[in-house]
N, C-alpha and C. Protein backbone atom coordinates (compact mmCIF):
# COMPACT_ATOMS: atom_id res chain seq x y z
N MET A 1 -37.55 -21.10 -15.98
CA MET A 1 -37.11 -20.99 -14.52
C MET A 1 -35.63 -20.26 -14.37
N ASP A 2 -35.70 -19.23 -13.65
CA ASP A 2 -34.52 -18.61 -13.39
C ASP A 2 -33.35 -19.30 -12.81
N GLN A 3 -32.14 -19.32 -13.33
CA GLN A 3 -31.12 -20.13 -12.70
C GLN A 3 -30.69 -19.44 -11.45
N ILE A 4 -30.16 -20.32 -10.56
CA ILE A 4 -29.74 -19.94 -9.26
C ILE A 4 -28.37 -19.28 -9.32
N PRO A 5 -28.17 -18.07 -8.97
CA PRO A 5 -26.86 -17.53 -9.20
C PRO A 5 -25.74 -18.17 -8.44
N VAL A 6 -24.57 -18.28 -9.02
CA VAL A 6 -23.54 -18.92 -8.31
C VAL A 6 -22.75 -18.03 -7.48
N VAL A 7 -22.69 -18.24 -6.20
CA VAL A 7 -21.84 -17.34 -5.36
C VAL A 7 -20.41 -17.69 -5.23
N LEU A 8 -19.63 -16.66 -5.75
CA LEU A 8 -18.24 -16.88 -5.74
C LEU A 8 -17.53 -16.67 -4.36
N THR A 9 -16.95 -17.66 -3.80
CA THR A 9 -16.33 -17.47 -2.36
C THR A 9 -14.84 -17.63 -2.63
N PRO A 10 -14.08 -17.07 -1.61
CA PRO A 10 -12.61 -17.31 -1.77
C PRO A 10 -12.30 -18.82 -1.54
N ASN A 11 -13.11 -19.60 -0.96
CA ASN A 11 -12.87 -20.98 -0.69
C ASN A 11 -12.70 -21.66 -2.09
N ILE A 12 -13.27 -21.22 -3.19
CA ILE A 12 -13.07 -21.97 -4.41
C ILE A 12 -11.62 -21.92 -4.87
N TRP A 13 -11.03 -20.69 -4.97
CA TRP A 13 -9.73 -20.71 -5.39
C TRP A 13 -8.61 -21.21 -4.39
N MET A 14 -8.98 -20.82 -3.02
CA MET A 14 -8.09 -21.26 -2.12
C MET A 14 -7.99 -22.74 -1.94
N PHE A 15 -9.04 -23.41 -2.09
CA PHE A 15 -8.98 -24.95 -2.01
C PHE A 15 -8.44 -25.48 -3.28
N SER A 16 -8.55 -24.88 -4.50
CA SER A 16 -7.94 -25.36 -5.57
C SER A 16 -6.42 -25.23 -5.63
N LEU A 17 -6.05 -23.95 -5.03
CA LEU A 17 -4.56 -23.78 -4.95
C LEU A 17 -3.90 -24.55 -3.99
N LEU A 18 -4.57 -24.83 -2.67
CA LEU A 18 -3.89 -25.60 -1.73
C LEU A 18 -3.88 -27.03 -2.11
N ALA A 19 -4.91 -27.63 -2.77
CA ALA A 19 -4.93 -28.81 -3.28
C ALA A 19 -3.96 -29.20 -4.31
N ALA A 20 -3.65 -28.14 -5.21
CA ALA A 20 -2.55 -28.39 -6.27
C ALA A 20 -1.22 -28.40 -5.55
N GLY A 21 -0.92 -27.52 -4.53
CA GLY A 21 0.25 -27.60 -3.83
C GLY A 21 0.47 -28.71 -2.98
N THR A 22 -0.52 -29.23 -2.41
CA THR A 22 -0.39 -30.53 -1.54
C THR A 22 -0.07 -31.70 -2.53
N LEU A 23 -0.70 -31.73 -3.71
CA LEU A 23 -0.41 -32.83 -4.68
C LEU A 23 0.91 -32.81 -5.20
N LEU A 24 1.46 -31.45 -5.48
CA LEU A 24 2.76 -31.22 -5.98
C LEU A 24 3.84 -31.78 -4.94
N LEU A 25 3.62 -31.51 -3.74
CA LEU A 25 4.53 -32.00 -2.69
C LEU A 25 4.51 -33.58 -2.66
N GLY A 26 3.32 -34.14 -2.68
CA GLY A 26 3.27 -35.62 -2.80
C GLY A 26 3.98 -36.19 -3.97
N ALA A 27 3.74 -35.56 -5.16
CA ALA A 27 4.46 -35.97 -6.30
C ALA A 27 5.96 -35.87 -6.18
N LEU A 28 6.48 -34.82 -5.73
CA LEU A 28 7.91 -34.63 -5.49
C LEU A 28 8.38 -35.65 -4.38
N ARG A 29 7.63 -35.75 -3.50
CA ARG A 29 8.03 -36.84 -2.37
C ARG A 29 8.36 -38.27 -2.94
N TYR A 30 7.53 -38.64 -3.86
CA TYR A 30 7.66 -40.03 -4.51
C TYR A 30 8.54 -40.07 -5.72
N SER A 31 8.60 -38.85 -6.37
CA SER A 31 9.53 -38.75 -7.62
C SER A 31 10.92 -38.43 -7.25
N TYR A 32 11.19 -37.81 -6.17
CA TYR A 32 12.67 -37.48 -5.75
C TYR A 32 12.78 -37.71 -4.48
N PRO A 33 12.78 -39.02 -3.94
CA PRO A 33 12.77 -39.54 -2.52
C PRO A 33 14.29 -39.01 -1.88
N GLN A 34 15.26 -39.24 -2.67
CA GLN A 34 16.44 -38.83 -2.02
C GLN A 34 16.67 -37.26 -1.74
N GLN A 35 16.26 -36.55 -2.74
CA GLN A 35 16.33 -35.14 -2.55
C GLN A 35 15.33 -34.50 -1.46
N PHE A 36 14.37 -35.29 -1.26
CA PHE A 36 13.15 -34.84 -0.40
C PHE A 36 13.86 -35.13 1.04
N ALA A 37 14.40 -36.35 1.14
CA ALA A 37 14.95 -36.72 2.51
C ALA A 37 16.21 -35.73 2.66
N GLY A 38 17.04 -35.49 1.76
CA GLY A 38 18.10 -34.61 1.96
C GLY A 38 17.57 -33.20 2.43
N LEU A 39 16.47 -32.80 1.96
CA LEU A 39 15.96 -31.37 2.43
C LEU A 39 15.71 -31.43 3.90
N TRP A 40 15.25 -32.53 4.45
CA TRP A 40 14.95 -32.55 5.94
C TRP A 40 16.22 -32.46 6.61
N ARG A 41 17.34 -33.11 6.12
CA ARG A 41 18.68 -33.20 6.79
C ARG A 41 19.37 -31.91 6.63
N ALA A 42 18.98 -31.16 5.72
CA ALA A 42 19.75 -29.96 5.42
C ALA A 42 19.67 -28.92 6.59
N ALA A 43 18.60 -28.86 7.29
CA ALA A 43 18.26 -28.00 8.36
C ALA A 43 19.29 -28.09 9.56
N ILE A 44 19.71 -29.32 9.75
CA ILE A 44 20.63 -29.61 10.82
C ILE A 44 22.02 -29.97 10.35
N ARG A 45 22.22 -29.99 9.12
CA ARG A 45 23.56 -30.47 8.52
C ARG A 45 24.53 -29.21 8.86
N PRO A 46 25.81 -29.56 9.23
CA PRO A 46 26.72 -28.41 9.36
C PRO A 46 26.85 -27.52 8.19
N THR A 47 27.03 -26.23 8.38
CA THR A 47 27.07 -25.24 7.28
C THR A 47 28.15 -25.46 6.29
N ASP A 48 29.22 -26.01 6.79
CA ASP A 48 30.41 -25.98 5.93
C ASP A 48 30.49 -27.52 5.29
N ALA A 49 29.45 -28.27 5.49
CA ALA A 49 29.42 -29.64 4.81
C ALA A 49 29.31 -29.48 3.26
N GLN A 50 30.18 -30.12 2.52
CA GLN A 50 30.18 -30.02 1.14
C GLN A 50 28.98 -30.85 0.55
N ARG A 51 28.12 -30.31 -0.33
CA ARG A 51 27.13 -30.92 -0.93
C ARG A 51 26.81 -30.30 -2.34
N ARG A 52 26.49 -31.27 -3.20
CA ARG A 52 26.19 -30.93 -4.62
C ARG A 52 24.64 -30.65 -4.79
N GLU A 53 24.23 -29.78 -5.41
CA GLU A 53 22.82 -29.56 -5.61
C GLU A 53 22.65 -28.89 -7.04
N VAL A 54 21.64 -29.41 -7.76
CA VAL A 54 21.42 -28.67 -9.02
C VAL A 54 20.39 -27.65 -8.72
N ARG A 55 20.77 -26.47 -9.16
CA ARG A 55 19.97 -25.28 -8.61
C ARG A 55 18.61 -25.11 -9.38
N PHE A 56 18.71 -25.44 -10.67
CA PHE A 56 17.37 -25.22 -11.53
C PHE A 56 16.76 -26.41 -11.92
N ASP A 57 16.92 -27.55 -11.15
CA ASP A 57 16.25 -28.81 -11.51
C ASP A 57 14.68 -28.72 -11.14
N ALA A 58 14.05 -29.67 -11.59
CA ALA A 58 12.58 -29.66 -11.44
C ALA A 58 12.14 -29.70 -9.95
N PHE A 59 12.89 -30.41 -9.24
CA PHE A 59 12.56 -30.56 -7.76
C PHE A 59 12.66 -29.21 -7.00
N ASN A 60 13.85 -28.47 -7.21
CA ASN A 60 14.09 -27.31 -6.40
C ASN A 60 13.17 -26.15 -6.88
N MET A 61 13.01 -26.08 -8.38
CA MET A 61 12.24 -25.04 -8.89
C MET A 61 10.70 -25.24 -8.51
N SER A 62 10.21 -26.43 -8.50
CA SER A 62 8.91 -26.67 -8.06
C SER A 62 8.62 -26.23 -6.76
N LEU A 63 9.57 -26.66 -5.86
CA LEU A 63 9.42 -26.27 -4.35
C LEU A 63 9.36 -24.73 -4.24
N GLU A 64 10.42 -24.11 -4.93
CA GLU A 64 10.51 -22.58 -4.66
C GLU A 64 9.21 -21.85 -5.26
N ILE A 65 8.67 -22.36 -6.43
CA ILE A 65 7.54 -21.73 -6.89
C ILE A 65 6.31 -21.81 -5.90
N TRP A 66 6.21 -23.01 -5.44
CA TRP A 66 5.07 -23.32 -4.43
C TRP A 66 5.31 -22.49 -3.19
N ALA A 67 6.58 -22.43 -2.80
CA ALA A 67 6.86 -21.65 -1.55
C ALA A 67 6.57 -20.23 -1.73
N ILE A 68 6.80 -19.60 -2.81
CA ILE A 68 6.44 -18.34 -3.11
C ILE A 68 4.96 -18.08 -2.99
N LEU A 69 4.22 -18.91 -3.61
CA LEU A 69 2.56 -18.87 -3.50
C LEU A 69 2.21 -19.11 -2.14
N ALA A 70 2.83 -19.99 -1.50
CA ALA A 70 2.30 -20.30 -0.05
C ALA A 70 2.69 -19.27 0.82
N ILE A 71 3.78 -18.56 0.72
CA ILE A 71 4.19 -17.36 1.63
C ILE A 71 3.25 -16.23 1.34
N ALA A 72 2.94 -15.98 0.05
CA ALA A 72 2.03 -14.92 -0.31
C ALA A 72 0.58 -15.15 0.22
N LEU A 73 0.17 -16.41 0.16
CA LEU A 73 -1.13 -16.71 0.70
C LEU A 73 -1.15 -16.66 2.24
N SER A 74 -0.03 -17.02 2.89
CA SER A 74 -0.02 -16.80 4.32
C SER A 74 -0.05 -15.45 4.78
N VAL A 75 0.68 -14.63 4.04
CA VAL A 75 0.60 -13.16 4.39
C VAL A 75 -0.82 -12.71 4.08
N LEU A 76 -1.37 -13.00 2.97
CA LEU A 76 -2.84 -12.49 2.83
C LEU A 76 -3.75 -12.93 3.93
N LEU A 77 -3.75 -14.21 4.19
CA LEU A 77 -4.62 -14.62 5.22
C LEU A 77 -4.32 -14.10 6.71
N ILE A 78 -3.02 -13.84 6.98
CA ILE A 78 -2.66 -13.37 8.25
C ILE A 78 -3.08 -11.86 8.35
N GLN A 79 -3.00 -11.05 7.15
CA GLN A 79 -3.33 -9.72 7.08
C GLN A 79 -4.80 -9.43 7.16
N SER A 80 -5.64 -10.22 6.42
CA SER A 80 -7.03 -9.99 6.37
C SER A 80 -7.85 -10.77 7.21
N ASP A 81 -8.82 -10.11 7.83
CA ASP A 81 -9.87 -10.77 8.75
C ASP A 81 -10.87 -11.51 7.99
N HIS A 82 -11.12 -10.98 6.84
CA HIS A 82 -12.21 -11.52 5.95
C HIS A 82 -11.63 -11.54 4.49
N VAL A 83 -11.35 -12.68 3.95
CA VAL A 83 -10.96 -12.81 2.58
C VAL A 83 -12.19 -12.89 1.67
N VAL A 84 -12.11 -12.12 0.63
CA VAL A 84 -13.18 -12.18 -0.42
C VAL A 84 -12.65 -12.81 -1.75
N PHE A 85 -13.52 -13.17 -2.59
CA PHE A 85 -13.21 -13.91 -3.86
C PHE A 85 -12.16 -13.03 -4.65
N SER A 86 -12.23 -11.78 -4.73
CA SER A 86 -11.42 -10.90 -5.44
C SER A 86 -9.92 -10.77 -4.93
N ASP A 87 -9.72 -11.32 -3.72
CA ASP A 87 -8.38 -11.17 -3.16
C ASP A 87 -7.40 -12.04 -3.83
N TRP A 88 -7.81 -12.93 -4.78
CA TRP A 88 -6.90 -13.63 -5.67
C TRP A 88 -5.98 -12.72 -6.32
N ALA A 89 -6.28 -11.52 -6.70
CA ALA A 89 -5.54 -10.51 -7.40
C ALA A 89 -4.47 -10.01 -6.42
N ILE A 90 -4.79 -9.79 -5.22
CA ILE A 90 -3.91 -9.45 -4.11
C ILE A 90 -2.80 -10.55 -3.99
N LEU A 91 -3.27 -11.84 -3.97
CA LEU A 91 -2.24 -12.99 -3.84
C LEU A 91 -1.28 -12.89 -4.97
N ILE A 92 -1.79 -12.74 -6.29
CA ILE A 92 -0.89 -12.64 -7.38
C ILE A 92 0.06 -11.50 -7.23
N ARG A 93 -0.36 -10.39 -6.72
CA ARG A 93 0.56 -9.25 -6.62
C ARG A 93 1.64 -9.52 -5.55
N TYR A 94 1.25 -10.06 -4.46
CA TYR A 94 2.15 -10.58 -3.40
C TYR A 94 3.22 -11.51 -3.88
N ALA A 95 2.69 -12.57 -4.64
CA ALA A 95 3.69 -13.55 -5.24
C ALA A 95 4.56 -12.98 -6.27
N LEU A 96 4.10 -12.14 -7.11
CA LEU A 96 5.04 -11.51 -8.05
C LEU A 96 5.99 -10.72 -7.39
N LEU A 97 5.57 -9.79 -6.38
CA LEU A 97 6.54 -9.01 -5.65
C LEU A 97 7.66 -9.83 -4.95
N LEU A 98 7.22 -10.91 -4.37
CA LEU A 98 8.14 -11.75 -3.76
C LEU A 98 9.15 -12.43 -4.69
N GLY A 99 8.55 -12.92 -5.71
CA GLY A 99 9.36 -13.56 -6.73
C GLY A 99 10.38 -12.71 -7.46
N ILE A 100 10.06 -11.47 -7.85
CA ILE A 100 10.88 -10.50 -8.32
C ILE A 100 11.91 -10.15 -7.33
N PHE A 101 11.55 -9.86 -6.06
CA PHE A 101 12.52 -9.58 -5.03
C PHE A 101 13.59 -10.64 -4.83
N LEU A 102 13.22 -11.89 -4.80
CA LEU A 102 14.10 -12.89 -4.64
C LEU A 102 15.05 -13.11 -5.86
N THR A 103 14.47 -12.87 -7.09
CA THR A 103 15.29 -13.03 -8.30
C THR A 103 16.43 -11.92 -8.27
N LEU A 104 16.01 -10.65 -7.95
CA LEU A 104 16.93 -9.52 -7.77
C LEU A 104 17.91 -9.73 -6.73
N GLN A 105 17.43 -10.34 -5.54
CA GLN A 105 18.42 -10.48 -4.53
C GLN A 105 19.45 -11.74 -4.80
N GLY A 106 19.00 -12.74 -5.38
CA GLY A 106 19.94 -13.76 -5.89
C GLY A 106 20.96 -13.22 -6.87
N THR A 107 20.48 -12.51 -7.80
CA THR A 107 21.47 -11.77 -8.80
C THR A 107 22.43 -10.93 -8.06
N ILE A 108 21.98 -10.14 -7.12
CA ILE A 108 22.87 -9.18 -6.45
C ILE A 108 23.97 -9.98 -5.59
N TYR A 109 23.49 -11.19 -4.97
CA TYR A 109 24.44 -12.04 -4.35
C TYR A 109 25.65 -12.44 -5.19
N GLN A 110 25.07 -12.80 -6.53
CA GLN A 110 26.12 -13.41 -7.43
C GLN A 110 27.08 -12.22 -7.83
N LEU A 111 26.50 -11.10 -8.07
CA LEU A 111 27.32 -9.98 -8.43
C LEU A 111 28.23 -9.50 -7.55
N ALA A 112 27.85 -9.63 -6.14
CA ALA A 112 28.66 -9.29 -5.05
C ALA A 112 29.93 -10.19 -5.17
N GLY A 113 29.51 -11.45 -5.21
CA GLY A 113 30.75 -12.35 -5.13
C GLY A 113 31.61 -12.19 -6.42
N PHE A 114 31.09 -11.71 -7.53
CA PHE A 114 31.94 -11.45 -8.58
C PHE A 114 32.78 -10.28 -8.47
N ILE A 115 32.15 -9.22 -8.03
CA ILE A 115 32.90 -7.90 -7.81
C ILE A 115 33.93 -7.91 -6.78
N PHE A 116 33.61 -8.68 -5.65
CA PHE A 116 34.61 -8.70 -4.57
C PHE A 116 35.50 -9.99 -4.74
N GLU A 117 35.34 -10.67 -5.85
CA GLU A 117 36.24 -11.90 -6.09
C GLU A 117 36.13 -12.79 -4.90
N ASP A 118 34.86 -13.09 -4.56
CA ASP A 118 34.56 -13.99 -3.35
C ASP A 118 33.42 -14.72 -3.78
N GLY A 119 33.28 -15.17 -5.08
CA GLY A 119 32.07 -15.81 -5.62
C GLY A 119 31.76 -17.08 -4.89
N GLU A 120 32.59 -17.91 -4.41
CA GLU A 120 32.26 -19.24 -3.81
C GLU A 120 31.49 -18.92 -2.45
N ALA A 121 32.05 -17.96 -1.72
CA ALA A 121 31.42 -17.73 -0.35
C ALA A 121 29.98 -17.24 -0.53
N TYR A 122 29.85 -16.28 -1.58
CA TYR A 122 28.51 -15.72 -1.66
C TYR A 122 27.40 -16.68 -2.42
N ALA A 123 28.04 -17.50 -3.19
CA ALA A 123 27.21 -18.50 -3.77
C ALA A 123 26.76 -19.56 -2.68
N ALA A 124 27.70 -19.94 -1.83
CA ALA A 124 27.22 -20.82 -0.72
C ALA A 124 26.30 -20.26 0.26
N ALA A 125 26.49 -18.88 0.50
CA ALA A 125 25.56 -18.22 1.33
C ALA A 125 24.17 -18.17 0.72
N TRP A 126 24.03 -17.97 -0.66
CA TRP A 126 22.78 -17.94 -1.32
C TRP A 126 22.21 -19.33 -1.31
N ARG A 127 22.83 -20.46 -1.45
CA ARG A 127 22.37 -21.72 -1.30
C ARG A 127 21.71 -21.91 0.00
N GLU A 128 22.38 -21.48 1.11
CA GLU A 128 21.62 -21.49 2.37
C GLU A 128 20.30 -20.71 2.44
N LYS A 129 20.41 -19.57 1.81
CA LYS A 129 19.18 -18.68 1.90
C LYS A 129 18.11 -19.39 1.06
N SER A 130 18.40 -20.10 -0.07
CA SER A 130 17.28 -20.72 -0.83
C SER A 130 16.72 -21.88 0.05
N GLN A 131 17.32 -22.40 0.96
CA GLN A 131 16.63 -23.59 1.74
C GLN A 131 15.48 -22.93 2.48
N PHE A 132 15.46 -21.71 2.86
CA PHE A 132 14.30 -21.03 3.47
C PHE A 132 13.08 -21.29 2.69
N LEU A 133 13.12 -21.08 1.36
CA LEU A 133 11.93 -21.32 0.48
C LEU A 133 11.53 -22.67 0.48
N ARG A 134 12.44 -23.71 0.49
CA ARG A 134 12.16 -25.08 0.32
C ARG A 134 11.47 -25.67 1.67
N TRP A 135 12.05 -25.20 2.78
CA TRP A 135 11.45 -25.42 4.05
C TRP A 135 10.05 -24.81 4.17
N SER A 136 9.84 -23.64 3.70
CA SER A 136 8.58 -23.01 3.86
C SER A 136 7.49 -23.71 2.94
N ALA A 137 7.94 -24.29 1.86
CA ALA A 137 6.97 -24.98 0.99
C ALA A 137 6.47 -26.16 1.80
N ILE A 138 7.21 -26.83 2.47
CA ILE A 138 6.78 -28.11 3.29
C ILE A 138 6.02 -27.75 4.60
N TRP A 139 6.63 -26.78 5.45
CA TRP A 139 5.95 -26.60 6.80
C TRP A 139 4.80 -25.66 6.64
N LEU A 140 4.68 -24.77 5.60
CA LEU A 140 3.64 -23.87 5.59
C LEU A 140 2.29 -24.53 5.12
N THR A 141 2.43 -25.57 4.36
CA THR A 141 1.29 -26.02 3.56
C THR A 141 0.26 -26.49 4.56
N PRO A 142 0.50 -27.46 5.52
CA PRO A 142 -0.64 -27.82 6.42
C PRO A 142 -1.08 -26.70 7.29
N LEU A 143 -0.26 -25.75 7.59
CA LEU A 143 -0.68 -24.58 8.43
C LEU A 143 -1.54 -23.68 7.56
N ILE A 144 -1.41 -23.52 6.26
CA ILE A 144 -2.33 -22.76 5.43
C ILE A 144 -3.69 -23.40 5.47
N TRP A 145 -3.64 -24.74 5.23
CA TRP A 145 -4.97 -25.39 5.08
C TRP A 145 -5.73 -24.96 6.42
N TRP A 146 -5.10 -25.12 7.61
CA TRP A 146 -5.82 -24.85 8.80
C TRP A 146 -6.14 -23.26 8.87
N LEU A 147 -5.21 -22.53 8.44
CA LEU A 147 -5.51 -20.93 8.54
C LEU A 147 -6.69 -20.58 7.50
N ALA A 148 -6.77 -21.31 6.41
CA ALA A 148 -7.88 -21.04 5.52
C ALA A 148 -9.17 -21.27 5.90
N PHE A 149 -9.22 -22.52 6.72
CA PHE A 149 -10.65 -23.00 7.06
C PHE A 149 -10.73 -23.20 8.57
N ALA A 150 -10.01 -22.57 9.40
CA ALA A 150 -9.99 -22.77 10.76
C ALA A 150 -11.14 -22.14 11.54
N GLY A 151 -11.89 -21.25 10.89
CA GLY A 151 -12.95 -20.63 11.61
C GLY A 151 -12.63 -19.77 12.86
N GLU A 152 -13.11 -20.08 13.95
CA GLU A 152 -12.91 -19.17 15.11
C GLU A 152 -11.49 -19.34 15.63
N TYR A 153 -10.75 -20.26 15.23
CA TYR A 153 -9.38 -20.43 15.63
C TYR A 153 -8.40 -19.73 14.74
N ARG A 154 -8.88 -19.06 13.71
CA ARG A 154 -7.98 -18.42 12.62
C ARG A 154 -7.01 -17.54 13.27
N ALA A 155 -7.25 -16.77 14.13
CA ALA A 155 -6.36 -15.76 14.77
C ALA A 155 -5.21 -16.45 15.30
N ALA A 156 -5.51 -17.52 16.25
CA ALA A 156 -4.44 -18.27 16.89
C ALA A 156 -3.52 -18.89 15.89
N VAL A 157 -4.12 -19.54 14.81
CA VAL A 157 -3.42 -20.19 13.67
C VAL A 157 -2.59 -19.22 13.02
N GLY A 158 -3.08 -17.95 12.84
CA GLY A 158 -2.39 -16.92 12.12
C GLY A 158 -1.07 -16.49 12.89
N TYR A 159 -1.11 -16.46 14.15
CA TYR A 159 0.09 -16.13 15.00
C TYR A 159 1.15 -17.32 14.83
N VAL A 160 0.60 -18.51 14.87
CA VAL A 160 1.55 -19.67 14.66
C VAL A 160 2.15 -19.53 13.34
N GLY A 161 1.48 -19.28 12.17
CA GLY A 161 2.01 -19.22 10.89
C GLY A 161 3.00 -18.14 10.84
N ALA A 162 2.70 -16.97 11.41
CA ALA A 162 3.65 -15.89 11.19
C ALA A 162 4.85 -16.13 12.08
N THR A 163 4.72 -16.81 13.26
CA THR A 163 5.96 -17.16 14.03
C THR A 163 6.91 -18.17 13.36
N LEU A 164 6.15 -19.10 12.58
CA LEU A 164 6.90 -20.14 11.80
C LEU A 164 7.72 -19.46 10.71
N LEU A 165 7.02 -18.55 9.96
CA LEU A 165 7.87 -17.85 8.90
C LEU A 165 9.07 -17.13 9.42
N ILE A 166 8.80 -16.37 10.53
CA ILE A 166 9.96 -15.71 11.22
C ILE A 166 11.01 -16.66 11.57
N VAL A 167 10.75 -17.78 12.04
CA VAL A 167 11.80 -18.70 12.73
C VAL A 167 12.60 -19.30 11.54
N LEU A 168 11.76 -19.75 10.50
CA LEU A 168 12.37 -20.24 9.28
C LEU A 168 13.39 -19.29 8.63
N TYR A 169 12.87 -18.04 8.62
CA TYR A 169 13.73 -17.05 7.85
C TYR A 169 15.00 -16.75 8.78
N LEU A 170 14.78 -16.58 10.08
CA LEU A 170 15.98 -16.32 11.02
C LEU A 170 16.88 -17.61 11.08
N TRP A 171 16.33 -18.73 10.86
CA TRP A 171 17.27 -19.93 10.91
C TRP A 171 18.06 -19.95 9.58
N SER A 172 17.43 -19.61 8.50
CA SER A 172 18.17 -19.59 7.31
C SER A 172 19.22 -18.52 7.22
N LEU A 173 18.86 -17.34 7.91
CA LEU A 173 19.66 -16.14 8.01
C LEU A 173 20.97 -16.43 8.66
N ALA A 174 20.70 -17.27 9.82
CA ALA A 174 21.83 -17.52 10.79
C ALA A 174 22.83 -18.46 10.03
N ARG A 175 22.34 -19.54 9.31
CA ARG A 175 23.15 -20.42 8.55
C ARG A 175 23.93 -19.67 7.41
N LEU A 176 23.20 -18.71 6.80
CA LEU A 176 23.80 -17.90 5.78
C LEU A 176 24.87 -17.04 6.22
N THR A 177 24.69 -16.51 7.42
CA THR A 177 25.71 -15.66 8.07
C THR A 177 26.96 -16.38 8.44
N ILE A 178 26.82 -17.67 9.11
CA ILE A 178 27.82 -18.44 9.41
C ILE A 178 28.67 -18.88 8.14
N VAL A 179 28.02 -19.25 7.07
CA VAL A 179 28.67 -19.61 5.87
C VAL A 179 29.49 -18.48 5.38
N LEU A 180 28.92 -17.30 5.31
CA LEU A 180 29.60 -16.11 4.66
C LEU A 180 30.85 -15.74 5.69
N PHE A 181 30.68 -15.78 6.86
CA PHE A 181 31.79 -15.37 7.75
C PHE A 181 33.01 -16.43 7.71
N ARG A 182 32.56 -17.66 7.52
CA ARG A 182 33.61 -18.71 7.58
C ARG A 182 34.36 -18.77 6.22
N GLN A 183 33.71 -18.48 5.09
CA GLN A 183 34.34 -18.74 3.78
C GLN A 183 34.76 -17.50 3.07
N SER A 184 34.20 -16.38 3.40
CA SER A 184 34.50 -15.11 2.72
C SER A 184 35.97 -14.59 3.17
N ARG A 185 36.56 -14.04 2.08
CA ARG A 185 37.95 -13.58 2.36
C ARG A 185 37.82 -12.02 2.81
N LEU A 186 36.59 -11.54 2.80
CA LEU A 186 36.49 -10.07 3.28
C LEU A 186 36.44 -9.93 4.66
N ARG A 187 36.58 -8.79 5.25
CA ARG A 187 36.57 -8.43 6.56
C ARG A 187 35.11 -8.67 7.11
N SER A 188 35.01 -9.03 8.38
CA SER A 188 33.88 -9.30 9.05
C SER A 188 32.84 -8.25 8.94
N TYR A 189 33.23 -6.97 9.22
CA TYR A 189 32.40 -5.76 9.18
C TYR A 189 31.91 -5.58 7.79
N HIS A 190 32.57 -5.97 6.82
CA HIS A 190 32.23 -5.73 5.41
C HIS A 190 30.99 -6.70 5.05
N ASN A 191 31.21 -7.99 5.59
CA ASN A 191 30.13 -8.94 5.39
C ASN A 191 28.97 -8.49 6.13
N LEU A 192 29.11 -8.06 7.32
CA LEU A 192 27.90 -7.68 8.19
C LEU A 192 27.17 -6.43 7.45
N LEU A 193 27.97 -5.59 6.77
CA LEU A 193 27.37 -4.40 6.20
C LEU A 193 26.46 -4.89 4.95
N TYR A 194 27.13 -5.75 4.17
CA TYR A 194 26.29 -6.38 2.95
C TYR A 194 25.27 -7.22 3.45
N LEU A 195 25.27 -7.97 4.59
CA LEU A 195 24.09 -8.70 5.04
C LEU A 195 22.96 -7.80 5.37
N CYS A 196 23.27 -6.72 5.99
CA CYS A 196 22.23 -5.68 6.35
C CYS A 196 21.62 -5.13 5.07
N ALA A 197 22.38 -4.83 4.07
CA ALA A 197 21.92 -4.31 2.87
C ALA A 197 21.04 -5.27 2.05
N LEU A 198 21.48 -6.61 2.06
CA LEU A 198 20.99 -7.56 1.12
C LEU A 198 19.74 -8.28 1.83
N GLU A 199 19.79 -8.29 3.25
CA GLU A 199 18.75 -9.12 3.94
C GLU A 199 17.88 -8.35 4.75
N ILE A 200 18.35 -7.55 5.73
CA ILE A 200 17.56 -6.80 6.72
C ILE A 200 16.72 -5.74 6.16
N SER A 201 17.42 -4.75 5.23
CA SER A 201 16.75 -3.66 4.74
C SER A 201 15.56 -4.00 3.69
N PRO A 202 15.85 -4.95 2.73
CA PRO A 202 14.74 -5.40 1.83
C PRO A 202 13.56 -5.93 2.57
N VAL A 203 13.79 -6.82 3.67
CA VAL A 203 12.74 -7.37 4.19
C VAL A 203 11.81 -6.34 4.93
N LEU A 204 12.52 -5.26 5.51
CA LEU A 204 11.68 -4.24 6.12
C LEU A 204 10.88 -3.41 5.06
N ILE A 205 11.55 -3.10 3.90
CA ILE A 205 10.84 -2.39 2.94
C ILE A 205 9.52 -3.22 2.43
N ILE A 206 9.73 -4.58 2.10
CA ILE A 206 8.61 -5.41 1.66
C ILE A 206 7.62 -5.45 2.77
N ALA A 207 7.86 -5.42 4.03
CA ALA A 207 6.93 -5.52 5.06
C ALA A 207 6.18 -4.34 5.18
N LEU A 208 6.75 -3.22 4.91
CA LEU A 208 6.01 -1.87 4.79
C LEU A 208 5.18 -1.77 3.62
N MET A 209 5.64 -2.36 2.47
CA MET A 209 4.85 -2.31 1.27
C MET A 209 3.57 -3.10 1.31
N MET A 210 3.63 -4.19 2.02
CA MET A 210 2.57 -5.11 2.25
C MET A 210 1.54 -4.68 3.20
C-alpha cells in the first residue's frame, strides 16, 4: 500500500517556534521573577534612575535572542500574504540580518563612547535601546500567535503588530535620546547627528533591504 504523502505546511515550523518561545518566556518568568518584574517597570522608570543590570546573563540573552526571532517572524508574516513551508529560510535570513545589525550597532555605540571619551553616556543610551528587544519579546509573542493563525483577520492583526513594533521602537528611541542628551558631555547637535547615523539611517536601510 502506498504511503500517504506528508504535506509540509508553514504551520509546522511556526507552531514549533512559537511554542518554544512561549515556553521560554514562561520559564524565565518563574526562574527570574525579580528581573521579569523589573522589566515591566523599566518602561515607565525615569531615564536617569540608577540601576544595575548584567548585560550578558541568561535572562537578558534569552529574551534578546527570542526577540530577534519574534521580530523577524513578525516582519515575514506582515510582508507575506501567503506563507509557505520554505519561508523558514527567509525567517533565518531576517533573523541573522537583524542580529548582525544589532551587534554592529552596539559595538559602534561603545566605540563612539570610547572615541569621544563619553563612554558612560553612550553605554547608558545603549542599555535603553536594548530594552526595545526585551519589550518586543514579551509583547509580540501573543500577537504573533494571532497573526500566524488569525485567518480572515490576519490583515488587521498585521497592522496592529506593525504599529506595536513602531511604538516600542519609538519609545525606546525617545528614552535613549533623553539619556544621551542628559548625560553626554558633547554638544546637542553632535548627539543628534550621531543618533541619525546610528538609529534612523540604519533602520531605513534595513527596511529597504527587507
